[in-house]
Amino acid sequence: MDVTKNDETEICDTMERLGTFQRIQYVFSFFATVLVTITHINYVFVAGEINYRCLIPECDTHNEYIPTWWPNSTIDKCLKPILKPNVGQTCTNDSFTNKFEDCTEWVYETNDTLVAELKLGCQPWKINMIGTMHSVGLLLAMIVSGWMIDRFGRKPIFIFCLVGSCIGHFKAFTSDYYIYVVIELIEAVITGGAYTTVSVLMMEIGGKKNRLLAGVIYAFGIYMGESVFAVMAMFVPYWKNLIKVIYTPPIFIISYVYFLKESPRWQIVSGKTECAKETLLLISKANKVNINKDKLINMNGEELKKEFKIDNCQQKETFRDAMKSREIMKRLVIGSFARFAACLVYYGLIINSVSLPGNKYTNFFLSSLMSYPGDLMALYLMNNVGRKLTLVYGYIICGLLCVASVCFPDDYTWVNTAFFLVSKMVVSGCFIGVVTYTIELYPTSVRGTLIGISALVASIGNILAPLTPIMKTFSPVLPSLTFGALAVIAGLLITMTPETKDSALMDTVEQVEREINLQNTKKKDIKGHINESFVSKDEV
């Protein structure tokens, strides 16, 4: 049966349906996000703490972690008990004096982490530096990744970031701490742009009704990566083998050259008209959407922009233009702080999860699982209630839960653990919700750059998160109070931004300014009508 002209779908509506094309691209993006997340958090277990004690050459023959001759009294693992004079060939519990000296060598319980083989005993700053340098690398990547995806496209940068992560393999072949840290930094710099790229790509290939779904799928990729990594570390505890396992799969991402498709919106904006036409035709075919193919093929760049309601000035706008807009700068500051708060609280809770009572792998796994219901709640509420209101209440509730977790005595372990897990669930919803929200707040012309800046600020939270346990040396409640304060402040700031639910993505800074001016005009008109009504009543 022939399809009538009335059955045709508008070309601009090609991407509004959640069809086969979007599903396939989401699956590819999800899988890649899982892989990059596994490498992103590698240091949690690869550079994890292990038990050790001071080596005593006169007594140690088999390098047992807890030998029978070890003194009964509790000894700091960084101090060496001094032997009594004239000790025989066999040491006993009574062979030691009550004096100690600094330790220079250690006996480790296991060699599962790099702490043993790189001899990092009693050097916690070196251990923490590995995670910190990884976060610094992510920060450096964020500085340029936004500009790069706007300049060169979403697809090529994404593939480069994923395949480039394979450099992490070299960490398994070094026995020098400083070389290891340098490789960790380089790996993070190369891989860091993947998160920004995949989130923008997934948002742009779906319609406005699917943007939040795309954000949730993206977040589920992160959480799945965390869960899978916990299971991997449980079954492959030795750090060198674990590194080889997690850094091998990304090499297959090179096949995405053929399978992953570029964002047609970016192609239109960048003047790649013929490429955009090919992508749109592919989408219509995959989704079985009937469009006027002849009309699409014969369109020039300006007509295609008009069809998708993209302003002609789109190509010329840069970050300098965005800086001139007070509204864009307000959105950038609030969006960046909200992402910073979500990142610091989210990763702060993850890092502290291994300190909960019980098995560290199980605790990390359970913490990762709590992210799923948080995202499902965010998906439902943000689609039905709205982005803004959901985030405002989500941040504030998260902050209150963090504060409440330190209001109970240590004897109520289950209460503190429950608050911890619920806090993780709520912040997970905020974490993905604010990513979707900020993408919707920024115009297409500078979206990659602005998202890159927001991600850059968020990565500062990622850098600070590994340092939050140090705050407990000043006060055991300080980390939780800090998390709570940041979350509440972020929630209050979001009240100053607009709702974006069911709104079309803005393409230019000029569009945003026009929209704000229109809203301000309407507010003035409403206020004027109210004042006139009061005046009329007074006259009566």
Protein backbone atom coordinates (compact mmCIF):
# COMPACT_ATOMS: atom_id res chain seq x y z
CA MET A 1 0.00 0.00 0.00
CA ASP A 2 1.33 3.40 -0.95
CA VAL A 3 1.95 5.91 1.80
CA THR A 4 -0.01 9.09 1.31
CA LYS A 5 1.41 12.54 1.79
CA ASN A 6 -0.71 12.93 4.92
CA ASP A 7 1.17 9.99 6.46
CA GLU A 8 4.50 11.78 6.12
CA THR A 9 6.38 12.86 9.22
CA GLU A 10 7.94 16.29 9.36
CA ILE A 11 11.70 16.16 8.87
CA CYS A 12 12.27 18.07 12.10
CA ASP A 13 10.35 15.35 14.00
CA THR A 14 12.65 12.56 12.78
CA MET A 15 14.52 12.42 16.09
CA GLU A 16 11.50 12.95 18.35
CA ARG A 17 10.56 9.28 18.45
CA LEU A 18 12.34 6.65 20.53
CA GLY A 19 13.01 4.26 17.67
CA THR A 20 15.42 1.52 16.71
CA PHE A 21 18.15 4.02 15.85
CA GLN A 22 18.09 5.65 19.30
CA ARG A 23 17.92 2.29 21.08
CA ILE A 24 20.97 0.96 19.22
CA GLN A 25 22.96 4.14 19.83
CA TYR A 26 21.98 4.14 23.51
CA VAL A 27 23.20 0.53 23.86
CA PHE A 28 26.56 1.41 22.31
CA SER A 29 26.85 4.48 24.53
CA PHE A 30 25.82 2.53 27.63
CA PHE A 31 28.43 -0.17 27.04
CA ALA A 32 31.16 2.41 26.47
CA THR A 33 30.16 4.29 29.64
CA VAL A 34 30.47 1.06 31.65
CA LEU A 35 34.00 0.54 30.34
CA VAL A 36 35.20 4.08 31.00
CA THR A 37 33.72 4.05 34.52
CA ILE A 38 35.58 0.85 35.40
CA THR A 39 38.89 2.48 34.45
CA HIS A 40 37.89 5.76 36.09
CA ILE A 41 37.56 4.23 39.58
CA ASN A 42 40.37 1.68 39.27
CA TYR A 43 42.41 3.22 42.09
CA VAL A 44 39.73 2.49 44.72
CA PHE A 45 40.90 -1.14 44.86
CA VAL A 46 44.16 -1.11 42.87
CA ALA A 47 45.60 1.46 45.28
CA GLY A 48 43.55 0.34 48.26
CA GLU A 49 44.93 0.10 51.78
CA ILE A 50 46.09 -3.27 53.14
CA ASN A 51 47.28 -4.41 56.55
CA TYR A 52 51.00 -4.46 57.28
CA ARG A 53 53.45 -4.40 60.16
CA CYS A 54 57.07 -3.50 60.69
CA LEU A 55 59.73 -5.94 59.49
CA ILE A 56 62.11 -7.18 62.19
CA PRO A 57 65.07 -8.84 60.39
CA GLU A 58 66.34 -10.59 63.53
CA CYS A 59 63.02 -12.40 63.97
CA ASP A 60 61.35 -12.58 60.54
CA THR A 61 62.20 -15.76 58.67
CA HIS A 62 58.97 -16.59 56.83
CA ASN A 63 57.53 -13.06 56.51
CA GLU A 64 54.27 -14.02 58.23
CA TYR A 65 51.93 -11.10 58.82
CA ILE A 66 51.03 -12.19 62.35
CA PRO A 67 53.79 -14.50 63.68
CA THR A 68 53.51 -16.22 67.05
CA TRP A 69 56.39 -14.18 68.47
CA TRP A 70 54.84 -10.77 67.75
CA PRO A 71 54.34 -8.66 70.93
CA ASN A 72 50.89 -8.95 72.49
CA SER A 73 50.49 -5.20 72.98
CA THR A 74 49.03 -3.06 70.20
CA ILE A 75 51.79 -1.41 68.19
CA ASP A 76 51.56 1.36 65.62
CA LYS A 77 52.30 -0.21 62.23
CA CYS A 78 54.81 2.55 61.51
CA LEU A 79 56.87 1.84 64.64
CA LYS A 80 59.36 -0.98 65.20
CA PRO A 81 59.61 -2.56 68.66
CA ILE A 82 63.22 -2.67 69.87
CA LEU A 83 64.62 -6.07 70.82
CA LYS A 84 66.17 -6.75 74.20
CA PRO A 85 69.93 -7.31 74.19
CA ASN A 86 71.27 -10.84 73.97
CA VAL A 87 68.15 -12.29 72.39
CA GLY A 88 68.69 -15.85 71.21
CA GLN A 89 68.11 -17.26 67.76
CA THR A 90 64.37 -17.56 68.41
CA CYS A 91 62.17 -14.56 69.18
CA THR A 92 59.27 -14.73 71.63
CA ASN A 93 56.61 -12.33 72.87
CA ASP A 94 58.94 -11.33 75.69
CA SER A 95 61.94 -10.57 73.45
CA PHE A 96 61.04 -6.88 73.12
CA THR A 97 61.50 -3.79 75.24
CA ASN A 98 58.87 -1.10 75.69
CA LYS A 99 60.76 1.22 73.36
CA PHE A 100 60.19 1.82 69.64
CA GLU A 101 61.93 3.30 66.61
CA ASP A 102 60.80 4.37 63.16
CA CYS A 103 60.13 1.55 60.75
CA THR A 104 61.85 1.37 57.34
CA GLU A 105 60.61 -1.99 56.02
CA TRP A 106 57.29 -3.76 56.33
CA VAL A 107 55.64 -7.16 56.07
CA TYR A 108 52.34 -6.97 54.18
CA GLU A 109 49.33 -9.18 54.79
CA THR A 110 48.78 -9.58 51.02
CA ASN A 111 50.14 -8.13 47.79
CA ASP A 112 46.67 -7.59 46.32
CA THR A 113 47.22 -3.84 45.96
CA LEU A 114 50.17 -1.84 44.72
CA VAL A 115 50.89 -0.69 48.28
CA ALA A 116 52.94 -3.85 48.87
CA GLU A 117 54.88 -4.10 45.61
CA LEU A 118 55.60 -0.37 45.36
CA LYS A 119 56.52 -0.36 49.07
CA LEU A 120 54.16 2.41 50.14
CA GLY A 121 53.83 1.37 53.78
CA CYS A 122 53.26 4.29 56.16
CA GLN A 123 53.08 6.71 53.23
CA PRO A 124 49.33 7.42 52.99
CA TRP A 125 49.92 10.66 51.11
CA LYS A 126 51.48 8.69 48.25
CA ILE A 127 48.52 6.31 48.14
CA ASN A 128 46.00 9.17 48.13
CA MET A 129 48.06 11.00 45.50
CA ILE A 130 47.23 8.30 42.93
CA GLY A 131 43.51 9.02 43.11
CA THR A 132 44.14 12.75 43.33
CA MET A 133 46.34 12.78 40.22
CA HIS A 134 43.70 10.78 38.35
CA SER A 135 41.16 13.45 39.29
CA VAL A 136 43.59 16.20 38.23
CA GLY A 137 43.89 14.48 34.86
CA LEU A 138 40.11 14.48 34.52
CA LEU A 139 40.09 18.17 35.34
CA LEU A 140 42.66 18.91 32.63
CA ALA A 141 40.63 16.86 30.17
CA MET A 142 37.49 18.85 30.94
CA ILE A 143 39.29 22.08 30.04
CA VAL A 144 39.66 21.06 26.40
CA SER A 145 37.07 18.33 25.84
CA GLY A 146 34.11 20.71 25.55
CA TRP A 147 35.86 22.78 22.90
CA MET A 148 37.06 19.66 21.08
CA ILE A 149 33.61 18.07 20.74
CA ASP A 150 32.21 21.37 19.45
CA ARG A 151 35.08 21.71 17.00
CA PHE A 152 35.68 18.13 15.80
CA GLY A 153 32.42 16.40 16.64
CA ARG A 154 31.03 14.14 19.33
CA LYS A 155 31.84 10.77 17.73
CA PRO A 156 35.60 11.04 16.97
CA ILE A 157 36.47 12.52 20.37
CA PHE A 158 34.43 9.85 22.15
CA ILE A 159 36.21 7.03 20.32
CA PHE A 160 39.62 8.62 20.92
CA CYS A 161 38.95 8.93 24.67
CA LEU A 162 37.83 5.31 25.05
CA VAL A 163 40.55 3.68 22.96
CA GLY A 164 43.15 5.95 24.57
CA SER A 165 42.33 4.51 27.99
CA CYS A 166 44.22 1.35 26.98
CA ILE A 167 47.40 3.20 27.96
CA GLY A 168 46.51 2.12 31.50
CA HIS A 169 47.91 -1.31 30.63
CA PHE A 170 51.42 0.05 31.16
CA LYS A 171 50.71 0.51 34.87
CA ALA A 172 50.87 -3.25 35.33
CA PHE A 173 54.45 -3.36 34.06
CA THR A 174 56.05 -0.68 36.21
CA SER A 175 57.62 -1.08 39.62
CA ASP A 176 58.33 2.64 40.08
CA TYR A 177 55.79 4.71 41.97
CA TYR A 178 56.40 7.98 40.12
CA ILE A 179 56.15 6.36 36.69
CA TYR A 180 52.88 4.80 37.81
CA VAL A 181 51.50 8.19 38.85
CA VAL A 182 52.53 9.77 35.53
CA ILE A 183 50.76 7.01 33.58
CA GLU A 184 47.68 7.46 35.78
CA LEU A 185 47.68 11.18 34.99
CA ILE A 186 48.13 10.70 31.22
CA GLU A 187 45.40 8.06 31.14
CA ALA A 188 42.96 10.37 32.93
CA VAL A 189 43.77 13.28 30.60
CA ILE A 190 43.04 11.13 27.55
CA THR A 191 39.96 9.40 28.95
CA GLY A 192 38.43 12.31 30.86
CA GLY A 193 36.47 13.79 27.96
CA ALA A 194 34.44 10.61 27.44
CA TYR A 195 31.82 11.49 30.06
CA THR A 196 31.11 14.93 28.61
CA THR A 197 31.02 13.60 25.07
CA VAL A 198 28.70 10.65 25.61
CA SER A 199 26.22 12.66 27.70
CA VAL A 200 25.93 15.37 25.04
CA LEU A 201 25.70 12.82 22.20
CA MET A 202 22.94 10.82 23.89
CA MET A 203 20.91 13.96 24.59
CA GLU A 204 21.16 15.23 21.02
CA ILE A 205 20.21 12.06 19.15
CA GLY A 206 16.91 11.74 21.05
CA GLY A 207 13.90 14.01 21.13
CA LYS A 208 13.02 16.37 23.94
CA LYS A 209 10.84 13.74 25.62
CA ASN A 210 13.72 11.25 25.64
CA ARG A 211 16.43 13.52 27.04
CA LEU A 212 15.89 12.46 30.64
CA LEU A 213 15.73 8.81 29.63
CA ALA A 214 19.05 9.27 27.84
CA GLY A 215 20.48 10.81 31.01
CA VAL A 216 19.29 7.88 33.12
CA ILE A 217 20.76 5.34 30.69
CA TYR A 218 24.03 7.27 30.84
CA ALA A 219 23.95 7.21 34.65
CA PHE A 220 23.07 3.51 34.71
CA GLY A 221 26.20 2.94 32.63
CA ILE A 222 28.22 4.64 35.39
CA TYR A 223 26.55 2.62 38.14
CA MET A 224 26.87 -0.62 36.20
CA GLY A 225 30.56 0.12 35.75
CA GLU A 226 30.94 0.58 39.50
CA SER A 227 29.08 -2.66 40.26
CA VAL A 228 30.97 -4.67 37.65
CA PHE A 229 34.28 -3.31 38.92
CA ALA A 230 33.44 -4.40 42.48
CA VAL A 231 32.72 -7.93 41.24
CA MET A 232 35.90 -7.95 39.12
CA ALA A 233 38.00 -6.85 42.09
CA MET A 234 36.38 -9.52 44.25
CA PHE A 235 37.34 -12.34 41.86
CA VAL A 236 40.60 -10.82 40.56
CA PRO A 237 42.11 -9.28 43.73
CA TYR A 238 45.73 -9.08 42.55
CA TRP A 239 46.18 -5.55 41.26
CA LYS A 240 48.31 -6.28 38.17
CA ASN A 241 45.89 -8.91 36.90
CA LEU A 242 42.98 -6.59 37.65
CA ILE A 243 44.57 -3.81 35.59
CA LYS A 244 45.03 -6.14 32.62
CA VAL A 245 41.40 -7.26 32.86
CA ILE A 246 39.83 -3.78 33.01
CA TYR A 247 42.02 -2.09 30.38
CA THR A 248 41.64 -4.71 27.63
CA PRO A 249 37.96 -4.26 26.56
CA PRO A 250 38.23 -0.55 25.55
CA ILE A 251 40.38 -1.50 22.54
CA PHE A 252 37.24 -2.91 20.90
CA ILE A 253 35.65 0.56 20.96
CA ILE A 254 37.59 1.27 17.78
CA SER A 255 34.80 -0.64 16.01
CA TYR A 256 32.51 2.29 16.89
CA VAL A 257 33.97 4.03 13.84
CA TYR A 258 31.42 1.97 11.91
CA PHE A 259 28.62 1.54 14.46
CA LEU A 260 28.33 4.83 16.36
CA LYS A 261 26.72 7.74 14.50
CA GLU A 262 27.39 11.45 14.80
CA SER A 263 24.84 13.87 16.24
CA PRO A 264 22.83 15.25 13.27
CA ARG A 265 22.17 18.45 15.21
CA TRP A 266 25.91 19.06 15.53
CA GLN A 267 26.35 18.27 11.83
CA ILE A 268 23.73 20.86 10.91
CA VAL A 269 25.18 23.47 13.24
CA SER A 270 28.72 22.85 11.94
CA GLY A 271 27.71 23.20 8.30
CA LYS A 272 28.19 19.50 7.46
CA THR A 273 24.92 19.50 5.55
CA GLU A 274 25.44 16.40 3.41
CA CYS A 275 26.55 14.35 6.42
CA ALA A 276 23.48 15.54 8.34
CA LYS A 277 21.21 14.47 5.47
CA GLU A 278 22.78 11.00 5.41
CA THR A 279 22.31 10.63 9.17
CA LEU A 280 18.68 11.80 9.03
CA LEU A 281 17.92 9.39 6.19
CA LEU A 282 19.51 6.58 8.22
CA ILE A 283 17.40 7.50 11.26
CA SER A 284 14.18 7.57 9.23
CA LYS A 285 14.99 4.17 7.72
CA ALA A 286 15.95 2.55 11.03
CA ASN A 287 12.91 3.97 12.83
CA LYS A 288 10.60 3.25 9.87
CA VAL A 289 9.55 6.88 9.77
CA ASN A 290 8.15 8.14 6.47
CA ILE A 291 9.60 11.52 5.50
CA ASN A 292 9.80 13.42 2.24
CA LYS A 293 13.23 12.16 1.19
CA ASP A 294 13.33 14.28 -1.97
CA LYS A 295 12.65 17.41 0.06
CA LEU A 296 15.43 16.51 2.51
CA ILE A 297 17.95 15.70 -0.22
CA ASN A 298 17.31 18.99 -2.01
CA MET A 299 17.60 21.13 1.14
CA ASN A 300 20.59 23.41 1.52
CA GLY A 301 22.24 24.24 4.82
CA GLU A 302 20.09 27.28 5.58
CA GLU A 303 16.86 25.42 4.83
CA LEU A 304 17.92 22.54 7.05
CA LYS A 305 18.68 24.94 9.90
CA LYS A 306 15.30 26.57 9.44
CA GLU A 307 13.60 23.17 9.46
CA PHE A 308 15.19 22.33 12.82
CA LYS A 309 14.67 25.90 14.11
CA ILE A 310 18.40 26.58 14.33
CA ASP A 311 19.34 30.25 14.02
CA ASN A 312 21.59 31.28 11.14
CA CYS A 313 24.00 32.93 13.55
CA GLN A 314 24.55 29.56 15.21
CA GLN A 315 27.98 28.91 13.69
CA LYS A 316 29.39 32.29 14.69
CA GLU A 317 28.63 32.08 18.40
CA THR A 318 31.51 31.35 20.73
CA PHE A 319 32.11 31.32 24.47
CA ARG A 320 32.87 35.04 24.24
CA ASP A 321 29.28 35.59 23.12
CA ALA A 322 28.04 33.47 26.01
CA MET A 323 30.05 35.58 28.47
CA LYS A 324 28.17 38.67 27.33
CA SER A 325 24.87 37.10 28.34
CA ARG A 326 24.02 37.61 32.00
CA GLU A 327 21.43 34.83 31.84
CA ILE A 328 23.87 32.30 30.38
CA MET A 329 26.50 33.19 32.97
CA LYS A 330 23.96 32.80 35.77
CA ARG A 331 23.00 29.37 34.46
CA LEU A 332 26.64 28.41 34.08
CA VAL A 333 27.56 29.39 37.66
CA ILE A 334 24.55 27.68 39.24
CA GLY A 335 24.79 24.61 37.02
CA SER A 336 28.51 24.25 37.68
CA PHE A 337 28.11 24.56 41.45
CA ALA A 338 25.23 22.07 41.46
CA ARG A 339 27.34 19.56 39.54
CA PHE A 340 30.30 20.22 41.86
CA ALA A 341 28.15 19.53 44.93
CA ALA A 342 26.64 16.37 43.43
CA CYS A 343 30.07 15.09 42.40
CA LEU A 344 31.73 15.76 45.76
CA VAL A 345 28.90 14.19 47.77
CA TYR A 346 28.49 11.25 45.37
CA TYR A 347 32.16 10.28 45.20
CA GLY A 348 32.69 11.18 48.84
CA LEU A 349 30.07 8.62 49.82
CA ILE A 350 31.55 6.03 47.44
CA ILE A 351 35.03 6.43 48.93
CA ASN A 352 33.69 6.21 52.46
CA SER A 353 31.62 3.10 51.64
CA VAL A 354 34.70 0.86 51.94
CA SER A 355 35.05 2.06 55.55
CA LEU A 356 31.62 0.76 56.57
CA PRO A 357 31.54 -2.32 58.82
CA GLY A 358 31.89 -5.54 56.82
CA ASN A 359 33.52 -6.65 53.56
CA LYS A 360 34.80 -3.69 51.53
CA TYR A 361 33.87 -5.27 48.18
CA THR A 362 30.33 -5.99 49.35
CA ASN A 363 29.94 -2.49 50.78
CA PHE A 364 31.11 -0.91 47.54
CA PHE A 365 28.76 -3.15 45.55
CA LEU A 366 25.75 -2.31 47.75
CA SER A 367 26.58 1.38 47.54
CA SER A 368 26.58 1.09 43.74
CA LEU A 369 23.25 -0.74 43.75
CA MET A 370 21.58 2.08 45.68
CA SER A 371 22.14 4.35 42.70
CA TYR A 372 19.59 2.49 40.56
CA PRO A 373 16.43 3.26 42.60
CA GLY A 374 17.67 6.83 42.96
CA ASP A 375 17.80 7.25 39.21
CA LEU A 376 14.43 5.58 38.66
CA MET A 377 12.88 8.00 41.15
CA ALA A 378 14.57 10.89 39.38
CA LEU A 379 13.30 9.66 36.00
CA TYR A 380 9.71 9.48 37.24
CA LEU A 381 9.69 12.74 39.18
CA MET A 382 11.55 14.83 36.60
CA ASN A 383 9.23 13.64 33.84
CA ASN A 384 6.05 14.16 35.84
CA VAL A 385 6.80 16.90 38.38
CA GLY A 386 9.54 18.76 36.54
CA ARG A 387 13.31 19.09 36.51
CA LYS A 388 13.63 22.12 38.73
CA LEU A 389 11.36 21.13 41.62
CA THR A 390 12.72 17.58 41.75
CA LEU A 391 16.31 18.80 41.96
CA VAL A 392 15.55 21.48 44.55
CA TYR A 393 13.91 19.01 46.93
CA GLY A 394 16.37 16.24 46.05
CA TYR A 395 19.42 18.30 46.99
CA ILE A 396 17.85 19.59 50.21
CA ILE A 397 16.69 16.13 51.32
CA CYS A 398 20.13 14.71 50.54
CA GLY A 399 21.74 17.43 52.63
CA LEU A 400 19.45 16.78 55.58
CA LEU A 401 20.12 13.03 55.41
CA CYS A 402 23.87 13.64 55.46
CA VAL A 403 23.53 15.80 58.57
CA ALA A 404 21.15 13.31 60.21
CA SER A 405 23.66 10.49 59.75
CA VAL A 406 25.92 12.02 62.42
CA CYS A 407 23.15 12.74 64.92
CA PHE A 408 23.03 9.18 66.28
CA PRO A 409 25.52 7.48 68.64
CA ASP A 410 28.04 4.99 67.23
CA ASP A 411 26.10 2.16 68.89
CA TYR A 412 23.31 2.62 66.32
CA THR A 413 25.40 1.28 63.44
CA TRP A 414 22.40 0.13 61.42
CA VAL A 415 20.83 3.60 61.61
CA ASN A 416 23.98 5.31 60.36
CA THR A 417 24.37 2.73 57.59
CA ALA A 418 20.74 3.19 56.56
CA PHE A 419 21.15 6.97 56.35
CA PHE A 420 24.36 6.44 54.38
CA LEU A 421 22.66 4.22 51.79
CA VAL A 422 19.59 6.45 51.47
CA SER A 423 21.86 9.48 51.06
CA LYS A 424 23.69 7.63 48.28
CA MET A 425 20.35 6.83 46.63
CA VAL A 426 19.14 10.44 46.71
CA VAL A 427 22.41 12.01 45.56
CA SER A 428 22.51 9.53 42.67
CA GLY A 429 19.21 10.93 41.43
CA CYS A 430 20.55 14.46 41.79
CA PHE A 431 23.81 13.46 40.10
CA ILE A 432 22.19 12.38 36.85
CA GLY A 433 19.31 14.84 37.10
CA VAL A 434 21.60 17.87 37.21
CA VAL A 435 23.61 16.57 34.24
CA THR A 436 20.43 16.39 32.15
CA TYR A 437 19.22 19.73 33.48
CA THR A 438 22.42 21.63 32.69
CA ILE A 439 22.52 20.21 29.18
CA GLU A 440 19.00 21.56 28.67
CA LEU A 441 19.93 24.95 30.13
CA TYR A 442 22.78 25.60 27.68
CA PRO A 443 22.29 26.49 23.96
CA THR A 444 23.62 24.16 21.25
CA SER A 445 26.11 26.68 19.85
CA VAL A 446 28.19 26.63 23.02
CA ARG A 447 26.72 23.59 24.78
CA GLY A 448 29.87 21.51 24.52
CA THR A 449 32.01 24.33 25.89
CA LEU A 450 29.64 25.15 28.76
CA ILE A 451 29.13 21.49 29.64
CA GLY A 452 32.91 21.13 29.60
CA ILE A 453 33.24 24.02 32.06
CA SER A 454 30.57 22.55 34.33
CA ALA A 455 32.25 19.16 34.15
CA LEU A 456 35.56 20.87 34.93
CA VAL A 457 34.12 22.39 38.10
CA ALA A 458 32.49 19.06 38.96
CA SER A 459 35.85 17.33 38.60
CA ILE A 460 37.19 19.58 41.37
CA GLY A 461 34.65 17.82 43.59
CA ASN A 462 36.09 14.56 42.34
CA ILE A 463 39.58 15.73 43.34
CA LEU A 464 38.44 16.78 46.81
CA ALA A 465 36.38 13.64 47.49
CA PRO A 466 39.42 11.39 48.24
CA LEU A 467 40.57 13.98 50.77
CA THR A 468 37.33 14.02 52.80
CA PRO A 469 38.45 11.21 55.15
CA ILE A 470 41.27 13.50 56.31
CA MET A 471 38.61 15.90 57.62
CA LYS A 472 37.74 13.32 60.27
CA THR A 473 41.06 14.08 62.01
CA PHE A 474 39.59 17.47 62.91
CA SER A 475 36.07 16.23 63.66
CA PRO A 476 34.34 12.92 62.84
CA VAL A 477 31.18 14.79 61.80
CA LEU A 478 32.89 17.34 59.53
CA PRO A 479 32.63 15.38 56.22
CA SER A 480 28.90 14.73 56.66
CA LEU A 481 28.22 18.34 57.65
CA THR A 482 30.18 19.54 54.61
CA PHE A 483 28.21 17.24 52.30
CA GLY A 484 24.96 18.44 53.83
CA ALA A 485 25.78 22.14 53.55
CA LEU A 486 26.87 21.89 49.91
CA ALA A 487 23.76 19.93 48.93
CA VAL A 488 21.37 22.39 50.60
CA ILE A 489 23.09 25.41 49.03
CA ALA A 490 22.90 23.77 45.59
CA GLY A 491 19.19 23.12 46.05
CA LEU A 492 18.50 26.74 46.97
CA LEU A 493 20.51 28.07 44.01
CA ILE A 494 18.55 25.95 41.52
CA THR A 495 15.40 27.88 42.49
CA MET A 496 16.88 30.76 40.45
CA THR A 497 16.93 28.80 37.16
CA PRO A 498 14.04 28.09 34.73
CA GLU A 499 12.07 24.88 34.26
CA THR A 500 13.07 22.95 31.12
CA LYS A 501 10.58 20.07 31.15
CA ASP A 502 9.06 19.54 27.66
CA SER A 503 10.91 22.61 26.37
CA ALA A 504 12.77 22.54 23.06
CA LEU A 505 16.56 22.77 23.28
CA MET A 506 17.77 26.31 22.74
CA ASP A 507 20.26 26.55 19.87
CA THR A 508 21.79 30.00 20.34
CA VAL A 509 22.62 32.51 23.04
CA GLU A 510 20.38 34.95 21.19
CA GLN A 511 17.44 32.55 21.51
CA VAL A 512 17.96 32.32 25.27
CA GLU A 513 18.05 36.10 25.58
CA ARG A 514 14.87 36.47 23.52
CA GLU A 515 13.10 33.88 25.67
CA ILE A 516 14.13 35.61 28.91
CA ASN A 517 13.09 39.03 27.58
CA LEU A 518 9.72 37.58 26.59
CA GLN A 519 9.22 36.09 30.04
CA ASN A 520 10.18 39.37 31.72
CA THR A 521 7.73 41.25 29.51
CA LYS A 522 4.94 38.85 30.46
CA LYS A 523 5.76 39.25 34.16
CA LYS A 524 5.62 43.04 33.83
CA ASP A 525 2.29 42.83 32.01
CA ILE A 526 0.84 40.58 34.71
CA LYS A 527 2.14 42.88 37.44
CA GLY A 528 0.68 45.86 35.60
CA HIS A 529 -2.74 44.21 35.35
CA ILE A 530 -2.67 43.40 39.07
CA ASN A 531 -1.80 46.99 39.96
CA GLU A 532 -4.56 48.28 37.68
CA SER A 533 -7.08 46.00 39.37
CA PHE A 534 -6.11 47.35 42.80
CA VAL A 535 -6.40 50.92 41.53
CA SER A 536 -9.84 50.20 40.10
CA LYS A 537 -11.01 48.78 43.44
CA ASP A 538 -9.72 51.85 45.29
CA GLU A 539 -11.60 54.14 42.92
CA VAL A 540 -14.80 52.23 43.51
